[in-house]
C-alpha atoms as a PDB file:
ATOM      1  CA  UNK A   1     105.978 111.452 172.537  1.00  0.00           C
ATOM      2  CA  UNK A   2     104.776 107.845 172.487  1.00  0.00           C
ATOM      3  CA  UNK A   3     102.612 106.395 169.788  1.00  0.00           C
ATOM      4  CA  UNK A   4     100.090 103.554 170.241  1.00  0.00           C
ATOM      5  CA  UNK A   5     102.631 100.857 169.205  1.00  0.00           C
ATOM      6  CA  UNK A   6     105.472 101.908 171.530  1.00  0.00           C
ATOM      7  CA  UNK A   7     106.164 100.033 174.747  1.00  0.00           C
ATOM      8  CA  UNK A   8     105.835 101.753 178.068  1.00  0.00           C
ATOM      9  CA  UNK A   9     108.519  99.458 179.537  1.00  0.00           C
ATOM     10  CA  UNK A  10     111.371 101.268 181.256  1.00  0.00           C
ATOM     11  CA  UNK A  11     114.963 100.199 181.245  1.00  0.00           C
ATOM     12  CA  UNK A  12     114.589  99.121 184.885  1.00  0.00           C
ATOM     13  CA  UNK A  13     111.586  96.851 184.236  1.00  0.00           C
ATOM     14  CA  UNK A  14     113.304  95.421 181.148  1.00  0.00           C
ATOM     15  CA  UNK A  15     116.406  94.364 183.110  1.00  0.00           C
ATOM     16  CA  UNK A  16     114.310  93.157 186.032  1.00  0.00           C
ATOM     17  CA  UNK A  17     112.289  90.907 183.693  1.00  0.00           C
ATOM     18  CA  UNK A  18     115.450  89.708 181.960  1.00  0.00           C
ATOM     19  CA  UNK A  19     117.124  88.853 185.275  1.00  0.00           C
ATOM     20  CA  UNK A  20     114.025  86.968 186.439  1.00  0.00           C
ATOM     21  CA  UNK A  21     113.925  84.890 183.225  1.00  0.00           C
ATOM     22  CA  UNK A  22     117.639  84.040 183.472  1.00  0.00           C
ATOM     23  CA  UNK A  23     117.141  82.915 187.089  1.00  0.00           C
ATOM     24  CA  UNK A  24     114.199  80.697 186.088  1.00  0.00           C
ATOM     25  CA  UNK A  25     116.227  79.123 183.270  1.00  0.00           C
ATOM     26  CA  UNK A  26     119.168  78.498 185.637  1.00  0.00           C
ATOM     27  CA  UNK A  27     116.892  76.795 188.167  1.00  0.00           C
ATOM     28  CA  UNK A  28     115.449  74.597 185.425  1.00  0.00           C
ATOM     29  CA  UNK A  29     118.937  73.615 184.255  1.00  0.00           C
ATOM     30  CA  UNK A  30     119.975  72.638 187.798  1.00  0.00           C
ATOM     31  CA  UNK A  31     116.787  70.614 188.206  1.00  0.00           C
ATOM     32  CA  UNK A  32     117.419  68.727 184.942  1.00  0.00           C
ATOM     33  CA  UNK A  33     120.979  67.998 186.002  1.00  0.00           C
ATOM     34  CA  UNK A  34     119.849  66.603 189.341  1.00  0.00           C
ATOM     35  CA  UNK A  35     116.894  64.613 188.075  1.00  0.00           C
ATOM     36  CA  UNK A  36     117.125  63.984 184.367  1.00  0.00           C
ATOM     37  CA  UNK A  37     120.757  64.053 183.355  1.00  0.00           C
ATOM     38  CA  UNK A  38     122.757  63.254 186.470  1.00  0.00           C
ATOM     39  CA  UNK A  39     126.127  61.492 186.489  1.00  0.00           C
ATOM     40  CA  UNK A  40     124.439  58.563 188.229  1.00  0.00           C
ATOM     41  CA  UNK A  41     122.593  57.791 185.001  1.00  0.00           C
ATOM     42  CA  UNK A  42     125.802  57.442 183.015  1.00  0.00           C
ATOM     43  CA  UNK A  43     126.875  53.856 182.386  1.00  0.00           C
ATOM     44  CA  UNK A  44     129.800  52.880 184.579  1.00  0.00           C
ATOM     45  CA  UNK A  45     133.078  52.005 182.888  1.00  0.00           C
ATOM     46  CA  UNK A  46     134.189  48.396 183.073  1.00  0.00           C
ATOM     47  CA  UNK A  47     137.218  48.057 185.341  1.00  0.00           C
ATOM     48  CA  UNK A  48     138.025  44.425 184.585  1.00  0.00           C
ATOM     49  CA  UNK A  49     136.491  41.281 183.119  1.00  0.00           C
ATOM     50  CA  UNK A  50     137.454  37.808 184.313  1.00  0.00           C
ATOM     51  CA  UNK A  51     136.647  34.418 182.812  1.00  0.00           C
ATOM     52  CA  UNK A  52     135.902  32.170 185.784  1.00  0.00           C
ATOM     53  CA  UNK A  53     137.257  29.065 184.003  1.00  0.00           C
ATOM     54  CA  UNK A  54     140.695  30.706 183.679  1.00  0.00           C
ATOM     55  CA  UNK A  55     141.141  30.987 187.466  1.00  0.00           C
ATOM     56  CA  UNK A  56     140.811  27.765 189.478  1.00  0.00           C
ATOM     57  CA  UNK A  57     140.348  29.690 192.713  1.00  0.00           C
ATOM     58  CA  UNK A  58     137.144  31.315 191.513  1.00  0.00           C
ATOM     59  CA  UNK A  59     135.371  27.997 190.950  1.00  0.00           C
ATOM     60  CA  UNK A  60     134.712  27.299 194.655  1.00  0.00           C
ATOM     61  CA  UNK A  61     133.182  29.334 197.486  1.00  0.00           C
ATOM     62  CA  UNK A  62     135.867  31.377 199.243  1.00  0.00           C
ATOM     63  CA  UNK A  63     138.123  31.188 196.212  1.00  0.00           C
ATOM     64  CA  UNK A  64     139.569  34.438 194.955  1.00  0.00           C
ATOM     65  CA  UNK A  65     141.789  36.198 192.456  1.00  0.00           C
ATOM     66  CA  UNK A  66     143.603  39.527 192.719  1.00  0.00           C
ATOM     67  CA  UNK A  67     143.396  41.521 189.502  1.00  0.00           C
ATOM     68  CA  UNK A  68     146.307  43.952 189.402  1.00  0.00           C
ATOM     69  CA  UNK A  69     146.616  47.340 187.758  1.00  0.00           C
ATOM     70  CA  UNK A  70     142.953  47.958 186.902  1.00  0.00           C
ATOM     71  CA  UNK A  71     141.840  51.588 186.405  1.00  0.00           C
ATOM     72  CA  UNK A  72     140.721  51.511 190.081  1.00  0.00           C
ATOM     73  CA  UNK A  73     143.899  49.859 191.391  1.00  0.00           C
ATOM     74  CA  UNK A  74     144.179  46.231 192.444  1.00  0.00           C
ATOM     75  CA  UNK A  75     140.780  44.530 192.838  1.00  0.00           C
ATOM     76  CA  UNK A  76     140.128  41.409 194.890  1.00  0.00           C
ATOM     77  CA  UNK A  77     137.379  39.225 193.367  1.00  0.00           C
ATOM     78  CA  UNK A  78     135.960  36.567 195.692  1.00  0.00           C
ATOM     79  CA  UNK A  79     133.524  33.713 195.091  1.00  0.00           C
ATOM     80  CA  UNK A  80     130.920  34.410 197.790  1.00  0.00           C
ATOM     81  CA  UNK A  81     129.130  31.108 197.136  1.00  0.00           C
ATOM     82  CA  UNK A  82     126.021  30.042 195.198  1.00  0.00           C
ATOM     83  CA  UNK A  83     127.177  31.720 191.993  1.00  0.00           C
ATOM     84  CA  UNK A  84     127.699  35.119 193.642  1.00  0.00           C
ATOM     85  CA  UNK A  85     130.934  37.101 193.409  1.00  0.00           C
ATOM     86  CA  UNK A  86     132.151  40.119 195.346  1.00  0.00           C
ATOM     87  CA  UNK A  87     134.709  42.648 194.167  1.00  0.00           C
ATOM     88  CA  UNK A  88     136.578  45.028 196.432  1.00  0.00           C
ATOM     89  CA  UNK A  89     139.776  46.956 196.920  1.00  0.00           C
ATOM     90  CA  UNK A  90     142.539  44.942 198.558  1.00  0.00           C
ATOM     91  CA  UNK A  91     143.577  47.980 200.612  1.00  0.00           C
ATOM     92  CA  UNK A  92     142.591  48.188 204.293  1.00  0.00           C
ATOM     93  CA  UNK A  93     141.087  51.616 205.070  1.00  0.00           C
ATOM     94  CA  UNK A  94     142.916  51.735 208.436  1.00  0.00           C
ATOM     95  CA  UNK A  95     146.554  52.073 207.339  1.00  0.00           C
ATOM     96  CA  UNK A  96     146.394  51.077 203.668  1.00  0.00           C
ATOM     97  CA  UNK A  97     147.950  47.620 204.116  1.00  0.00           C
ATOM     98  CA  UNK A  98     147.010  44.911 201.615  1.00  0.00           C
ATOM     99  CA  UNK A  99     144.394  42.500 202.977  1.00  0.00           C
ATOM    100  CA  UNK A 100     144.381  38.729 202.476  1.00  0.00           C
ATOM    101  CA  UNK A 101     141.685  36.076 202.236  1.00  0.00           C
ATOM    102  CA  UNK A 102     142.230  33.908 205.349  1.00  0.00           C
ATOM    103  CA  UNK A 103     139.311  31.470 205.154  1.00  0.00           C
ATOM    104  CA  UNK A 104     136.314  30.995 202.850  1.00  0.00           C
ATOM    105  CA  UNK A 105     134.421  33.456 205.093  1.00  0.00           C
ATOM    106  CA  UNK A 106     137.131  35.877 206.338  1.00  0.00           C
ATOM    107  CA  UNK A 107     139.378  38.569 204.883  1.00  0.00           C
ATOM    108  CA  UNK A 108     141.946  40.025 207.242  1.00  0.00           C
ATOM    109  CA  UNK A 109     144.531  42.800 207.304  1.00  0.00           C
ATOM    110  CA  UNK A 110     147.939  41.410 208.344  1.00  0.00           C
ATOM    111  CA  UNK A 111     149.148  44.752 209.724  1.00  0.00           C
ATOM    112  CA  UNK A 112     146.700  45.403 212.567  1.00  0.00           C
ATOM    113  CA  UNK A 113     144.153  42.583 212.381  1.00  0.00           C
ATOM    114  CA  UNK A 114     141.094  44.330 210.937  1.00  0.00           C
ATOM    115  CA  UNK A 115     138.648  41.656 209.778  1.00  0.00           C
ATOM    116  CA  UNK A 116     136.087  41.663 206.984  1.00  0.00           C
ATOM    117  CA  UNK A 117     133.398  39.324 205.724  1.00  0.00           C
ATOM    118  CA  UNK A 118     134.099  37.663 202.385  1.00  0.00           C
ATOM    119  CA  UNK A 119     132.169  40.466 200.636  1.00  0.00           C
ATOM    120  CA  UNK A 120     134.421  43.159 202.192  1.00  0.00           C
ATOM    121  CA  UNK A 121     131.997  44.249 204.931  1.00  0.00           C
ATOM    122  CA  UNK A 122     133.759  45.436 208.113  1.00  0.00           C
ATOM    123  CA  UNK A 123     133.652  43.021 211.082  1.00  0.00           C
ATOM    124  CA  UNK A 124     136.244  44.153 213.640  1.00  0.00           C
ATOM    125  CA  UNK A 125     139.606  45.762 214.277  1.00  0.00           C
ATOM    126  CA  UNK A 126     141.044  49.225 214.181  1.00  0.00           C
ATOM    127  CA  UNK A 127     139.552  49.959 210.757  1.00  0.00           C
ATOM    128  CA  UNK A 128     136.136  51.555 211.134  1.00  0.00           C
ATOM    129  CA  UNK A 129     134.678  50.906 207.698  1.00  0.00           C
ATOM    130  CA  UNK A 130     134.337  48.253 205.023  1.00  0.00           C
ATOM    131  CA  UNK A 131     136.696  47.721 202.122  1.00  0.00           C
ATOM    132  CA  UNK A 132     135.867  49.788 199.031  1.00  0.00           C
ATOM    133  CA  UNK A 133     133.384  47.727 197.022  1.00  0.00           C
ATOM    134  CA  UNK A 134     132.725  47.378 193.313  1.00  0.00           C
ATOM    135  CA  UNK A 135     129.795  45.829 191.448  1.00  0.00           C
ATOM    136  CA  UNK A 136     130.490  42.319 190.142  1.00  0.00           C
ATOM    137  CA  UNK A 137     128.042  40.887 187.598  1.00  0.00           C
ATOM    138  CA  UNK A 138     128.271  37.344 186.217  1.00  0.00           C
ATOM    139  CA  UNK A 139     127.058  36.321 182.785  1.00  0.00           C
ATOM    140  CA  UNK A 140     128.031  33.255 180.743  1.00  0.00           C
ATOM    141  CA  UNK A 141     130.982  32.455 183.004  1.00  0.00           C
ATOM    142  CA  UNK A 142     132.447  35.969 182.853  1.00  0.00           C
ATOM    143  CA  UNK A 143     132.625  38.377 185.796  1.00  0.00           C
ATOM    144  CA  UNK A 144     132.411  42.053 184.881  1.00  0.00           C
ATOM    145  CA  UNK A 145     133.522  44.535 187.561  1.00  0.00           C
ATOM    146  CA  UNK A 146     132.391  48.171 187.482  1.00  0.00           C
ATOM    147  CA  UNK A 147     132.386  51.105 189.904  1.00  0.00           C
ATOM    148  CA  UNK A 148     129.362  51.388 192.173  1.00  0.00           C
END
């Protein structure tokens, strides 16, 4: 017999309510991960820092330096002109040959001739995409390269 204070909830309704609440909490957690706490909000790790004054090539437009053995592999840093610098992988996406800066406006793969703008953007050749790019920020004569 039930008294006035006892619940009329059955085992089935209890578990149904519990399952519903767990599902709501899971949906909220996924939403927070996507919108409030995503990996995109995490600060990117610095791959390399370069003092411009230590590398003569970086002082003029088209000048470059290859930084070896960074956490992301070898990174080509190029003076794109007007105080702007570009950072990219030195590996051609076509057959993984190492690219070279040919002129102040052209990077080219010696293996099959794929060509790229000085910022690593694909121009022509058998490769079908740009070189892998990194973010290069300049402050007080120092270039800091991070993942994009």
